[in-house]
N, C-alpha and C. Protein backbone atom coordinates (compact mmCIF):
# COMPACT_ATOMS: atom_id res chain seq x y z
N MET A 1 -14.63 4.45 15.82
CA MET A 1 -14.31 3.78 14.59
C MET A 1 -13.40 2.60 14.92
N GLY A 2 -13.72 1.43 14.41
CA GLY A 2 -12.96 0.24 14.72
C GLY A 2 -11.70 0.10 13.89
N SER A 3 -10.89 -0.84 14.29
CA SER A 3 -9.65 -1.13 13.58
C SER A 3 -9.96 -1.82 12.26
N PRO A 4 -9.20 -1.48 11.18
CA PRO A 4 -9.46 -2.10 9.89
C PRO A 4 -8.98 -3.54 9.81
N GLY A 5 -8.25 -4.02 10.80
CA GLY A 5 -7.71 -5.38 10.77
C GLY A 5 -6.38 -5.42 10.05
N ALA A 6 -5.93 -6.61 9.74
CA ALA A 6 -4.65 -6.80 9.06
C ALA A 6 -4.77 -6.42 7.59
N VAL A 7 -3.69 -5.87 7.06
CA VAL A 7 -3.69 -5.51 5.64
C VAL A 7 -3.93 -6.74 4.77
N SER A 8 -3.49 -7.90 5.22
CA SER A 8 -3.70 -9.12 4.44
C SER A 8 -5.19 -9.46 4.30
N ASP A 9 -6.02 -8.96 5.20
CA ASP A 9 -7.47 -9.18 5.10
C ASP A 9 -8.09 -8.34 3.99
N SER A 10 -7.56 -7.14 3.77
CA SER A 10 -8.12 -6.21 2.78
C SER A 10 -7.43 -6.25 1.43
N PHE A 11 -6.18 -6.65 1.39
CA PHE A 11 -5.37 -6.59 0.19
C PHE A 11 -6.00 -7.27 -1.02
N PRO A 12 -6.49 -8.51 -0.90
CA PRO A 12 -7.09 -9.16 -2.08
C PRO A 12 -8.27 -8.37 -2.67
N ALA A 13 -9.12 -7.80 -1.84
CA ALA A 13 -10.26 -7.03 -2.34
C ALA A 13 -9.80 -5.74 -3.02
N LEU A 14 -8.76 -5.11 -2.49
CA LEU A 14 -8.22 -3.90 -3.10
C LEU A 14 -7.62 -4.20 -4.47
N VAL A 15 -6.92 -5.33 -4.59
CA VAL A 15 -6.34 -5.74 -5.86
C VAL A 15 -7.43 -5.99 -6.89
N VAL A 16 -8.46 -6.74 -6.52
CA VAL A 16 -9.57 -7.04 -7.43
C VAL A 16 -10.26 -5.76 -7.89
N ALA A 17 -10.39 -4.79 -6.99
CA ALA A 17 -11.06 -3.53 -7.32
C ALA A 17 -10.17 -2.59 -8.13
N GLY A 18 -8.90 -2.96 -8.30
CA GLY A 18 -7.99 -2.12 -9.07
C GLY A 18 -7.53 -0.87 -8.36
N VAL A 19 -7.56 -0.90 -7.04
CA VAL A 19 -7.12 0.25 -6.24
C VAL A 19 -5.60 0.34 -6.31
N PRO A 20 -5.06 1.50 -6.69
CA PRO A 20 -3.61 1.63 -6.69
C PRO A 20 -3.07 1.60 -5.26
N ILE A 21 -2.02 0.83 -5.06
CA ILE A 21 -1.46 0.65 -3.73
C ILE A 21 -0.01 1.10 -3.75
N PHE A 22 0.34 2.03 -2.87
CA PHE A 22 1.69 2.57 -2.78
C PHE A 22 2.28 2.13 -1.45
N ILE A 23 3.43 1.51 -1.50
CA ILE A 23 4.01 0.89 -0.32
C ILE A 23 5.35 1.52 0.00
N SER A 24 5.56 1.83 1.26
CA SER A 24 6.84 2.38 1.70
C SER A 24 7.94 1.35 1.46
N ARG A 25 8.93 1.75 0.67
CA ARG A 25 10.03 0.85 0.36
C ARG A 25 10.78 0.45 1.63
N SER A 26 11.06 1.41 2.50
CA SER A 26 11.84 1.10 3.70
C SER A 26 11.06 0.26 4.70
N SER A 27 9.80 0.58 4.92
CA SER A 27 8.99 -0.20 5.86
C SER A 27 8.76 -1.63 5.37
N SER A 28 8.48 -1.76 4.08
CA SER A 28 8.21 -3.09 3.54
C SER A 28 9.49 -3.92 3.46
N GLY A 29 10.62 -3.25 3.22
CA GLY A 29 11.88 -3.98 3.17
C GLY A 29 12.21 -4.65 4.49
N SER A 30 11.93 -3.96 5.58
CA SER A 30 12.19 -4.55 6.90
C SER A 30 11.21 -5.68 7.23
N ARG A 31 10.13 -5.76 6.47
CA ARG A 31 9.15 -6.84 6.65
C ARG A 31 9.32 -7.95 5.61
N GLY A 32 10.33 -7.82 4.75
CA GLY A 32 10.63 -8.87 3.79
C GLY A 32 9.77 -8.86 2.53
N VAL A 33 9.08 -7.76 2.26
CA VAL A 33 8.25 -7.67 1.05
C VAL A 33 9.18 -7.41 -0.14
N THR A 34 8.98 -8.16 -1.23
CA THR A 34 9.83 -8.05 -2.41
C THR A 34 9.03 -7.60 -3.62
N TYR A 35 9.74 -7.29 -4.72
CA TYR A 35 9.08 -6.95 -5.98
C TYR A 35 8.18 -8.09 -6.44
N ASP A 36 8.63 -9.31 -6.23
CA ASP A 36 7.82 -10.48 -6.63
C ASP A 36 6.49 -10.53 -5.87
N ASP A 37 6.50 -10.10 -4.62
CA ASP A 37 5.27 -10.07 -3.83
C ASP A 37 4.24 -9.10 -4.41
N LEU A 38 4.72 -8.06 -5.08
CA LEU A 38 3.83 -7.02 -5.61
C LEU A 38 3.44 -7.23 -7.07
N ALA A 39 4.14 -8.11 -7.75
CA ALA A 39 3.94 -8.31 -9.19
C ALA A 39 2.48 -8.63 -9.51
N GLY A 40 1.92 -7.87 -10.47
CA GLY A 40 0.56 -8.11 -10.93
C GLY A 40 -0.53 -7.68 -9.97
N LYS A 41 -0.18 -6.92 -8.94
CA LYS A 41 -1.18 -6.54 -7.92
C LYS A 41 -1.49 -5.05 -7.90
N GLY A 42 -0.95 -4.30 -8.85
CA GLY A 42 -1.23 -2.86 -8.88
C GLY A 42 -0.59 -2.12 -7.73
N ALA A 43 0.44 -2.71 -7.15
CA ALA A 43 1.13 -2.10 -6.02
C ALA A 43 2.54 -1.74 -6.44
N LYS A 44 3.07 -0.67 -5.83
CA LYS A 44 4.44 -0.30 -6.13
C LYS A 44 5.12 0.29 -4.90
N PHE A 45 6.42 0.06 -4.84
CA PHE A 45 7.21 0.68 -3.79
C PHE A 45 7.32 2.17 -4.05
N SER A 46 7.25 2.95 -2.99
CA SER A 46 7.31 4.40 -3.11
C SER A 46 8.28 4.97 -2.09
N THR A 47 8.84 6.12 -2.44
CA THR A 47 9.73 6.82 -1.51
C THR A 47 8.90 7.64 -0.53
N PRO A 48 9.51 8.07 0.57
CA PRO A 48 8.77 8.92 1.51
C PRO A 48 8.22 10.18 0.84
N ALA A 49 9.01 10.79 -0.04
CA ALA A 49 8.54 12.01 -0.72
C ALA A 49 7.31 11.72 -1.58
N GLU A 50 7.32 10.60 -2.29
CA GLU A 50 6.15 10.23 -3.10
C GLU A 50 4.93 10.00 -2.23
N LEU A 51 5.11 9.33 -1.09
CA LEU A 51 3.98 9.05 -0.21
C LEU A 51 3.39 10.33 0.38
N VAL A 52 4.24 11.29 0.73
CA VAL A 52 3.75 12.58 1.23
C VAL A 52 2.96 13.30 0.13
N GLU A 53 3.50 13.32 -1.07
CA GLU A 53 2.82 13.98 -2.18
C GLU A 53 1.46 13.32 -2.46
N LEU A 54 1.43 12.00 -2.47
CA LEU A 54 0.18 11.28 -2.70
C LEU A 54 -0.84 11.54 -1.59
N THR A 55 -0.37 11.61 -0.35
CA THR A 55 -1.25 11.86 0.79
C THR A 55 -1.95 13.21 0.65
N PHE A 56 -1.21 14.25 0.31
CA PHE A 56 -1.79 15.58 0.18
C PHE A 56 -2.70 15.69 -1.03
N ALA A 57 -2.47 14.88 -2.06
CA ALA A 57 -3.28 14.94 -3.28
C ALA A 57 -4.55 14.09 -3.18
N ALA A 58 -4.62 13.21 -2.20
CA ALA A 58 -5.72 12.25 -2.11
C ALA A 58 -6.92 12.78 -1.32
N ASP A 59 -8.10 12.29 -1.70
CA ASP A 59 -9.31 12.56 -0.93
C ASP A 59 -9.32 11.71 0.33
N ARG A 60 -8.80 10.49 0.22
CA ARG A 60 -8.77 9.54 1.34
C ARG A 60 -7.47 8.78 1.33
N VAL A 61 -6.98 8.44 2.52
CA VAL A 61 -5.75 7.68 2.66
C VAL A 61 -5.98 6.61 3.71
N LEU A 62 -5.55 5.39 3.40
CA LEU A 62 -5.60 4.30 4.36
C LEU A 62 -4.17 3.95 4.76
N CYS A 63 -3.93 3.84 6.04
CA CYS A 63 -2.60 3.47 6.54
C CYS A 63 -2.72 2.25 7.41
N TYR A 64 -1.82 1.31 7.20
CA TYR A 64 -1.76 0.10 8.04
C TYR A 64 -0.45 0.07 8.75
């Protein structure tokens, strides 16, 4: 199975498709991602506990 590439390659298509996107607050903070970057994109910052809960509840999970 090949690499999915950069998240920036897939992000626009995920937004258009209305896919909910949950982003690690701590990981994104160290990369300079802000609330303004996520505005209107169906994405939200999540805590580690939320991400673990979502992972176990999901049929599929994509990680970049």
